[in-house]
C-alpha atoms as a PDB file:
ATOM      1  CA  MET A   1     -46.208  46.488  31.076  1.00  0.00           C
ATOM      2  CA  ALA A   2     -49.467  45.121  29.654  1.00  0.00           C
ATOM      3  CA  PRO A   3     -49.934  41.323  29.809  1.00  0.00           C
ATOM      4  CA  LEU A   4     -49.117  39.421  26.647  1.00  0.00           C
ATOM      5  CA  SER A   5     -51.776  37.861  24.472  1.00  0.00           C
ATOM      6  CA  GLU A   6     -51.598  34.133  23.747  1.00  0.00           C
ATOM      7  CA  GLU A   7     -50.229  34.796  20.251  1.00  0.00           C
ATOM      8  CA  GLU A   8     -47.562  37.146  21.641  1.00  0.00           C
ATOM      9  CA  GLU A   9     -46.578  34.548  24.248  1.00  0.00           C
ATOM     10  CA  ASN A  10     -46.261  31.995  21.443  1.00  0.00           C
ATOM     11  CA  TYR A  11     -43.846  34.289  19.635  1.00  0.00           C
ATOM     12  CA  VAL A  12     -41.732  34.958  22.740  1.00  0.00           C
ATOM     13  CA  ARG A  13     -41.561  31.282  23.718  1.00  0.00           C
ATOM     14  CA  LEU A  14     -40.515  30.286  20.207  1.00  0.00           C
ATOM     15  CA  ALA A  15     -37.878  33.031  20.194  1.00  0.00           C
ATOM     16  CA  LEU A  16     -36.519  31.825  23.544  1.00  0.00           C
ATOM     17  CA  LEU A  17     -36.444  28.247  22.267  1.00  0.00           C
ATOM     18  CA  LEU A  18     -34.625  29.104  19.051  1.00  0.00           C
ATOM     19  CA  LYS A  19     -32.278  31.709  20.507  1.00  0.00           C
ATOM     20  CA  GLY A  20     -31.666  30.239  23.948  1.00  0.00           C
ATOM     21  CA  VAL A  21     -31.981  26.453  23.860  1.00  0.00           C
ATOM     22  CA  ALA A  22     -31.499  25.376  20.235  1.00  0.00           C
ATOM     23  CA  PRO A  23     -28.026  26.954  19.788  1.00  0.00           C
ATOM     24  CA  ARG A  24     -26.695  24.728  22.593  1.00  0.00           C
ATOM     25  CA  ALA A  25     -28.067  21.639  20.881  1.00  0.00           C
ATOM     26  CA  VAL A  26     -26.409  22.681  17.637  1.00  0.00           C
ATOM     27  CA  ARG A  27     -23.082  22.514  19.403  1.00  0.00           C
ATOM     28  CA  VAL A  28     -19.573  23.293  18.231  1.00  0.00           C
ATOM     29  CA  PRO A  29     -16.570  23.552  20.621  1.00  0.00           C
ATOM     30  CA  ASP A  30     -16.193  27.108  21.984  1.00  0.00           C
ATOM     31  CA  SER A  31     -19.305  28.286  20.142  1.00  0.00           C
ATOM     32  CA  LYS A  32     -21.398  29.674  22.994  1.00  0.00           C
ATOM     33  CA  THR A  33     -21.780  33.065  21.343  1.00  0.00           C
ATOM     34  CA  PHE A  34     -22.339  31.757  17.819  1.00  0.00           C
ATOM     35  CA  ASP A  35     -25.677  32.260  16.074  1.00  0.00           C
ATOM     36  CA  VAL A  36     -27.593  29.158  14.908  1.00  0.00           C
ATOM     37  CA  THR A  37     -27.059  29.976  11.243  1.00  0.00           C
ATOM     38  CA  LEU A  38     -23.308  30.457  11.728  1.00  0.00           C
ATOM     39  CA  MET A  39     -22.916  27.214  13.681  1.00  0.00           C
ATOM     40  CA  ILE A  40     -24.782  25.195  11.066  1.00  0.00           C
ATOM     41  CA  CYS A  41     -22.664  26.806   8.360  1.00  0.00           C
ATOM     42  CA  LEU A  42     -19.524  25.686  10.213  1.00  0.00           C
ATOM     43  CA  ILE A  43     -20.884  22.186  10.798  1.00  0.00           C
ATOM     44  CA  ARG A  44     -21.940  21.608   7.195  1.00  0.00           C
ATOM     45  CA  ASN A  45     -18.541  22.746   5.897  1.00  0.00           C
ATOM     46  CA  LEU A  46     -16.115  21.495   8.556  1.00  0.00           C
ATOM     47  CA  THR A  47     -17.634  18.204   9.749  1.00  0.00           C
ATOM     48  CA  SER A  48     -18.811  14.936   8.237  1.00  0.00           C
ATOM     49  CA  VAL A  49     -22.520  15.495   8.953  1.00  0.00           C
ATOM     50  CA  ILE A  50     -24.549  13.993   6.116  1.00  0.00           C
ATOM     51  CA  PRO A  51     -26.697  16.683   4.445  1.00  0.00           C
ATOM     52  CA  PRO A  52     -30.482  16.143   4.431  1.00  0.00           C
ATOM     53  CA  ILE A  53     -32.154  14.968   1.233  1.00  0.00           C
ATOM     54  CA  ASN A  54     -33.282  18.469   0.226  1.00  0.00           C
ATOM     55  CA  GLY A  55     -30.203  20.282   1.557  1.00  0.00           C
ATOM     56  CA  PHE A  56     -29.702  22.506   4.595  1.00  0.00           C
ATOM     57  CA  ASP A  57     -31.784  25.376   3.191  1.00  0.00           C
ATOM     58  CA  ASN A  58     -35.142  23.563   3.053  1.00  0.00           C
ATOM     59  CA  LEU A  59     -37.387  22.360   5.873  1.00  0.00           C
ATOM     60  CA  PRO A  60     -37.098  18.540   6.138  1.00  0.00           C
ATOM     61  CA  LEU A  61     -40.153  16.285   6.256  1.00  0.00           C
ATOM     62  CA  PRO A  62     -41.267  15.066   9.726  1.00  0.00           C
ATOM     63  CA  ALA A  63     -39.987  11.550   8.995  1.00  0.00           C
ATOM     64  CA  GLN A  64     -36.466  12.827   8.326  1.00  0.00           C
ATOM     65  CA  THR A  65     -34.719  12.747  11.718  1.00  0.00           C
ATOM     66  CA  THR A  66     -31.019  12.427  10.927  1.00  0.00           C
ATOM     67  CA  PRO A  67     -28.622  14.923  12.583  1.00  0.00           C
ATOM     68  CA  GLY A  68     -28.301  16.769   9.276  1.00  0.00           C
ATOM     69  CA  SER A  69     -32.092  16.988   8.964  1.00  0.00           C
ATOM     70  CA  ASP A  70     -32.462  18.266  12.538  1.00  0.00           C
ATOM     71  CA  LEU A  71     -29.811  20.924  11.939  1.00  0.00           C
ATOM     72  CA  ALA A  72     -31.641  22.045   8.798  1.00  0.00           C
ATOM     73  CA  ARG A  73     -34.947  21.979  10.702  1.00  0.00           C
ATOM     74  CA  ILE A  74     -33.680  24.321  13.435  1.00  0.00           C
ATOM     75  CA  LYS A  75     -32.021  26.604  10.881  1.00  0.00           C
ATOM     76  CA  CYS A  76     -35.189  26.922   8.775  1.00  0.00           C
ATOM     77  CA  TYR A  77     -37.411  27.737  11.745  1.00  0.00           C
ATOM     78  CA  ARG A  78     -34.811  30.227  13.003  1.00  0.00           C
ATOM     79  CA  ASN A  79     -34.835  32.006   9.644  1.00  0.00           C
ATOM     80  CA  LYS A  80     -38.642  31.993   9.493  1.00  0.00           C
ATOM     81  CA  LEU A  81     -38.842  33.597  12.917  1.00  0.00           C
ATOM     82  CA  ALA A  82     -36.258  36.219  11.920  1.00  0.00           C
ATOM     83  CA  HIS A  83     -38.408  37.232   8.936  1.00  0.00           C
ATOM     84  CA  TYR A  84     -41.755  37.142  10.750  1.00  0.00           C
ATOM     85  CA  ASP A  85     -43.823  40.279  10.102  1.00  0.00           C
ATOM     86  CA  SER A  86     -45.393  40.528  13.572  1.00  0.00           C
ATOM     87  CA  ASN A  87     -44.768  39.497  17.173  1.00  0.00           C
ATOM     88  CA  MET A  88     -47.751  37.120  17.259  1.00  0.00           C
ATOM     89  CA  ILE A  89     -47.941  33.441  16.246  1.00  0.00           C
ATOM     90  CA  ASP A  90     -51.099  31.391  15.778  1.00  0.00           C
ATOM     91  CA  THR A  91     -51.449  28.721  18.497  1.00  0.00           C
ATOM     92  CA  ALA A  92     -52.026  25.794  16.122  1.00  0.00           C
ATOM     93  CA  TYR A  93     -48.906  26.669  14.134  1.00  0.00           C
ATOM     94  CA  PHE A  94     -46.982  27.307  17.365  1.00  0.00           C
ATOM     95  CA  ASN A  95     -47.825  23.840  18.740  1.00  0.00           C
ATOM     96  CA  THR A  96     -46.674  22.130  15.534  1.00  0.00           C
ATOM     97  CA  VAL A  97     -43.440  24.110  15.299  1.00  0.00           C
ATOM     98  CA  TRP A  98     -42.646  23.740  18.996  1.00  0.00           C
ATOM     99  CA  ARG A  99     -43.000  19.979  18.835  1.00  0.00           C
ATOM    100  CA  ASP A 100     -40.854  19.824  15.697  1.00  0.00           C
ATOM    101  CA  ILE A 101     -38.071  21.980  17.182  1.00  0.00           C
ATOM    102  CA  SER A 102     -38.049  20.458  20.668  1.00  0.00           C
ATOM    103  CA  ASP A 103     -37.907  16.929  19.217  1.00  0.00           C
ATOM    104  CA  ALA A 104     -34.940  18.002  17.076  1.00  0.00           C
ATOM    105  CA  VAL A 105     -33.247  19.583  20.110  1.00  0.00           C
ATOM    106  CA  GLY A 106     -33.802  16.365  22.068  1.00  0.00           C
ATOM    107  CA  ARG A 107     -32.286  14.204  19.354  1.00  0.00           C
ATOM    108  CA  LEU A 108     -29.270  16.496  19.019  1.00  0.00           C
ATOM    109  CA  GLY A 109     -28.722  17.486  22.649  1.00  0.00           C
ATOM    110  CA  GLY A 110     -30.176  14.625  24.646  1.00  0.00           C
ATOM    111  CA  GLN A 111     -32.924  14.181  27.232  1.00  0.00           C
ATOM    112  CA  THR A 112     -31.729  17.027  29.472  1.00  0.00           C
ATOM    113  CA  MET A 113     -32.119  19.612  26.734  1.00  0.00           C
ATOM    114  CA  TYR A 114     -35.449  18.118  25.678  1.00  0.00           C
ATOM    115  CA  GLN A 115     -36.650  18.533  29.266  1.00  0.00           C
ATOM    116  CA  GLU A 116     -35.476  22.151  29.187  1.00  0.00           C
ATOM    117  CA  CYS A 117     -37.671  22.678  26.130  1.00  0.00           C
ATOM    118  CA  GLN A 118     -40.685  21.263  27.985  1.00  0.00           C
ATOM    119  CA  GLU A 119     -40.043  23.518  30.984  1.00  0.00           C
ATOM    120  CA  LEU A 120     -39.787  26.562  28.749  1.00  0.00           C
ATOM    121  CA  ARG A 121     -43.081  25.527  27.121  1.00  0.00           C
ATOM    122  CA  VAL A 122     -45.020  26.092  30.374  1.00  0.00           C
ATOM    123  CA  LYS A 123     -42.813  28.772  31.943  1.00  0.00           C
ATOM    124  CA  ILE A 124     -44.707  31.854  33.140  1.00  0.00           C
ATOM    125  CA  LEU A 125     -43.601  34.875  31.152  1.00  0.00           C
ATOM    126  CA  ASP A 126     -43.268  37.898  33.448  1.00  0.00           C
ATOM    127  CA  GLN A 127     -41.242  41.097  33.709  1.00  0.00           C
ATOM    128  CA  SER A 128     -38.025  39.073  33.484  1.00  0.00           C
ATOM    129  CA  ASN A 129     -38.848  38.523  29.818  1.00  0.00           C
ATOM    130  CA  GLN A 130     -39.406  42.222  29.144  1.00  0.00           C
ATOM    131  CA  GLU A 131     -35.925  42.618  27.668  1.00  0.00           C
ATOM    132  CA  VAL A 132     -36.564  39.793  25.203  1.00  0.00           C
ATOM    133  CA  ILE A 133     -39.922  41.236  24.214  1.00  0.00           C
ATOM    134  CA  LEU A 134     -38.468  44.718  23.717  1.00  0.00           C
ATOM    135  CA  GLU A 135     -35.616  43.256  21.682  1.00  0.00           C
ATOM    136  CA  ILE A 136     -38.097  41.396  19.494  1.00  0.00           C
ATOM    137  CA  LYS A 137     -40.220  44.494  18.940  1.00  0.00           C
ATOM    138  CA  GLN A 138     -37.115  46.549  18.180  1.00  0.00           C
ATOM    139  CA  SER A 139     -35.995  43.909  15.679  1.00  0.00           C
ATOM    140  CA  LEU A 140     -39.394  44.042  13.984  1.00  0.00           C
ATOM    141  CA  GLU A 141     -39.199  47.832  13.703  1.00  0.00           C
ATOM    142  CA  GLU A 142     -35.683  47.598  12.283  1.00  0.00           C
ATOM    143  CA  MET A 143     -36.866  45.020   9.755  1.00  0.00           C
ATOM    144  CA  LYS A 144     -39.744  47.283   8.686  1.00  0.00           C
ATOM    145  CA  GLU A 145     -37.367  50.231   8.307  1.00  0.00           C
ATOM    146  CA  LEU A 146     -34.947  48.062   6.336  1.00  0.00           C
ATOM    147  CA  ARG A 147     -37.715  46.844   4.011  1.00  0.00           C
ATOM    148  CA  GLN A 148     -38.890  50.440   3.513  1.00  0.00           C
ATOM    149  CA  HIS A 149     -35.332  51.531   2.789  1.00  0.00           C
ATOM    150  CA  MET A 150     -34.901  48.697   0.276  1.00  0.00           C
ATOM    151  CA  ASP A 151     -38.222  49.586  -1.378  1.00  0.00           C
ATOM    152  CA  ASN A 152     -37.174  53.238  -1.643  1.00  0.00           C
ATOM    153  CA  LEU A 153     -33.780  52.204  -2.956  1.00  0.00           C
ATOM    154  CA  GLY A 154     -35.448  49.992  -5.545  1.00  0.00           C
ATOM    155  CA  ARG A 155     -37.766  52.802  -6.644  1.00  0.00           C
ATOM    156  CA  ASN A 156     -34.879  55.286  -6.826  1.00  0.00           C
ATOM    157  CA  THR A 157     -32.806  52.808  -8.818  1.00  0.00           C
ATOM    158  CA  GLN A 158     -35.700  52.207 -11.197  1.00  0.00           C
ATOM    159  CA  LYS A 159     -36.261  55.954 -11.547  1.00  0.00           C
ATOM    160  CA  LYS A 160     -32.569  56.473 -12.261  1.00  0.00           C
ATOM    161  CA  LYS A 161     -32.631  53.742 -14.920  1.00  0.00           C
ATOM    162  CA  ILE A 162     -35.656  55.372 -16.563  1.00  0.00           C
ATOM    163  CA  GLN A 163     -33.883  58.737 -16.536  1.00  0.00           C
ATOM    164  CA  GLU A 164     -30.780  57.153 -18.068  1.00  0.00           C
ATOM    165  CA  ILE A 165     -32.883  55.491 -20.773  1.00  0.00           C
ATOM    166  CA  ASN A 166     -34.650  58.789 -21.540  1.00  0.00           C
ATOM    167  CA  TRP A 167     -31.321  60.619 -21.651  1.00  0.00           C
ATOM    168  CA  GLN A 168     -29.874  57.968 -23.966  1.00  0.00           C
ATOM    169  CA  ARG A 169     -32.962  58.141 -26.186  1.00  0.00           C
ATOM    170  CA  LYS A 170     -32.774  61.946 -26.379  1.00  0.00           C
ATOM    171  CA  ASN A 171     -29.047  61.769 -27.078  1.00  0.00           C
ATOM    172  CA  GLU A 172     -29.640  59.275 -29.896  1.00  0.00           C
ATOM    173  CA  GLN A 173     -32.413  61.481 -31.271  1.00  0.00           C
ATOM    174  CA  THR A 174     -30.078  64.497 -31.171  1.00  0.00           C
ATOM    175  CA  GLN A 175     -27.335  62.555 -32.930  1.00  0.00           C
ATOM    176  CA  ALA A 176     -29.798  61.261 -35.516  1.00  0.00           C
ATOM    177  CA  GLY A 177     -31.109  64.794 -36.023  1.00  0.00           C
ATOM    178  CA  GLY A 178     -27.559  66.060 -36.534  1.00  0.00           C
ATOM    179  CA  LYS A 179     -26.839  63.352 -39.096  1.00  0.00           C
ATOM    180  CA  LEU A 180     -30.124  64.091 -40.852  1.00  0.00           C
ATOM    181  CA  LYS A 181     -29.226  67.777 -40.992  1.00  0.00           C
ATOM    182  CA  GLU A 182     -25.817  66.917 -42.451  1.00  0.00           C
ATOM    183  CA  LEU A 183     -27.489  64.730 -45.065  1.00  0.00           C
ATOM    184  CA  GLU A 184     -29.948  67.509 -45.916  1.00  0.00           C
ATOM    185  CA  GLU A 185     -27.120  70.029 -46.279  1.00  0.00           C
ATOM    186  CA  SER A 186     -25.183  67.566 -48.411  1.00  0.00           C
ATOM    187  CA  TRP A 187     -28.243  66.977 -50.585  1.00  0.00           C
ATOM    188  CA  VAL A 188     -28.798  70.721 -50.996  1.00  0.00           C
ATOM    189  CA  GLY A 189     -25.150  71.084 -52.003  1.00  0.00           C
ATOM    190  CA  LEU A 190     -25.466  68.300 -54.558  1.00  0.00           C
ATOM    191  CA  VAL A 191     -28.629  69.854 -56.001  1.00  0.00           C
ATOM    192  CA  SER A 192     -26.900  73.227 -56.244  1.00  0.00           C
ATOM    193  CA  LYS A 193     -23.880  71.720 -57.990  1.00  0.00           C
ATOM    194  CA  ASN A 194     -26.148  69.809 -60.357  1.00  0.00           C
ATOM    195  CA  TYR A 195     -27.971  73.044 -61.180  1.00  0.00           C
ATOM    196  CA  GLU A 196     -24.665  74.800 -61.837  1.00  0.00           C
ATOM    197  CA  ILE A 197     -23.547  71.950 -64.106  1.00  0.00           C
ATOM    198  CA  GLU A 198     -26.810  72.157 -66.039  1.00  0.00           C
ATOM    199  CA  ARG A 199     -26.373  75.921 -66.456  1.00  0.00           C
ATOM    200  CA  ALA A 200     -22.807  75.410 -67.637  1.00  0.00           C
ATOM    201  CA  CYS A 201     -23.978  72.796 -70.157  1.00  0.00           C
ATOM    202  CA  VAL A 202     -26.641  75.186 -71.483  1.00  0.00           C
ATOM    203  CA  GLU A 203     -24.069  77.948 -71.767  1.00  0.00           C
ATOM    204  CA  ILE A 204     -21.636  75.680 -73.643  1.00  0.00           C
ATOM    205  CA  GLU A 205     -24.401  74.563 -76.022  1.00  0.00           C
ATOM    206  CA  ARG A 206     -25.299  78.205 -76.680  1.00  0.00           C
ATOM    207  CA  GLU A 207     -21.691  79.101 -77.381  1.00  0.00           C
ATOM    208  CA  ILE A 208     -21.303  76.120 -79.727  1.00  0.00           C
ATOM    209  CA  GLU A 209     -24.461  77.147 -81.571  1.00  0.00           C
ATOM    210  CA  GLU A 210     -23.181  80.736 -81.975  1.00  0.00           C
ATOM    211  CA  MET A 211     -19.850  79.485 -83.292  1.00  0.00           C
ATOM    212  CA  GLU A 212     -21.596  77.279 -85.872  1.00  0.00           C
ATOM    213  CA  GLN A 213     -23.744  80.218 -87.000  1.00  0.00           C
ATOM    214  CA  LYS A 214     -20.655  82.406 -87.464  1.00  0.00           C
ATOM    215  CA  ARG A 215     -18.942  79.663 -89.494  1.00  0.00           C
ATOM    216  CA  ALA A 216     -22.020  79.329 -91.677  1.00  0.00           C
ATOM    217  CA  LYS A 217     -22.060  83.087 -92.401  1.00  0.00           C
ATOM    218  CA  LYS A 218     -18.366  83.096 -93.348  1.00  0.00           C
ATOM    219  CA  ALA A 219     -18.872  80.148 -95.659  1.00  0.00           C
ATOM    220  CA  LYS A 220     -21.625  82.014 -97.579  1.00  0.00           C
ATOM    221  CA  ARG A 221     -19.300  84.943 -98.276  1.00  0.00           C
END
């Protein structure tokens, strides 16, 4: 296996810190197999931990060091790592995040766990970490596939909506055309009836005129 670059080592170390050490600092009885997010969800709902100023879903400011703030801090960094687009982390960012997380772990879990963070910081990453690295890369591939699937699903949904709108528009046009045809036929019928009435009126007038002429002739005799 090829040696890791500094940025790749940063990613692996941060993953080991958040997935291996931090969950034990965010401790709940019988929770060894719980994920960080699940444990914090249980703590915020089942214990009396005071929520941080901006809630558990936002990264607290460095000066905010209450237990609730440290729980939110670990949770936010865990979520950021889970949504990272690559397996490399810039060293400057890594140093800042590592210090922030390890300090939170120390405040929550004590000096022993803080020391474990420091040891992990300088631990030599070798073949024993290959499984973690492969798991991380596999997770990244799965995330890419999931995003692609969601994008395709979104496009298909949008296409379906457009098709439904077009179908509805055509259906409305067809219905409107049918109504227009009915109105045209009704208008033609009315015109025809009006023409027939006019013809009948003319015929009646002619008959009346003939009758008057006959009466006039009889009167002269």
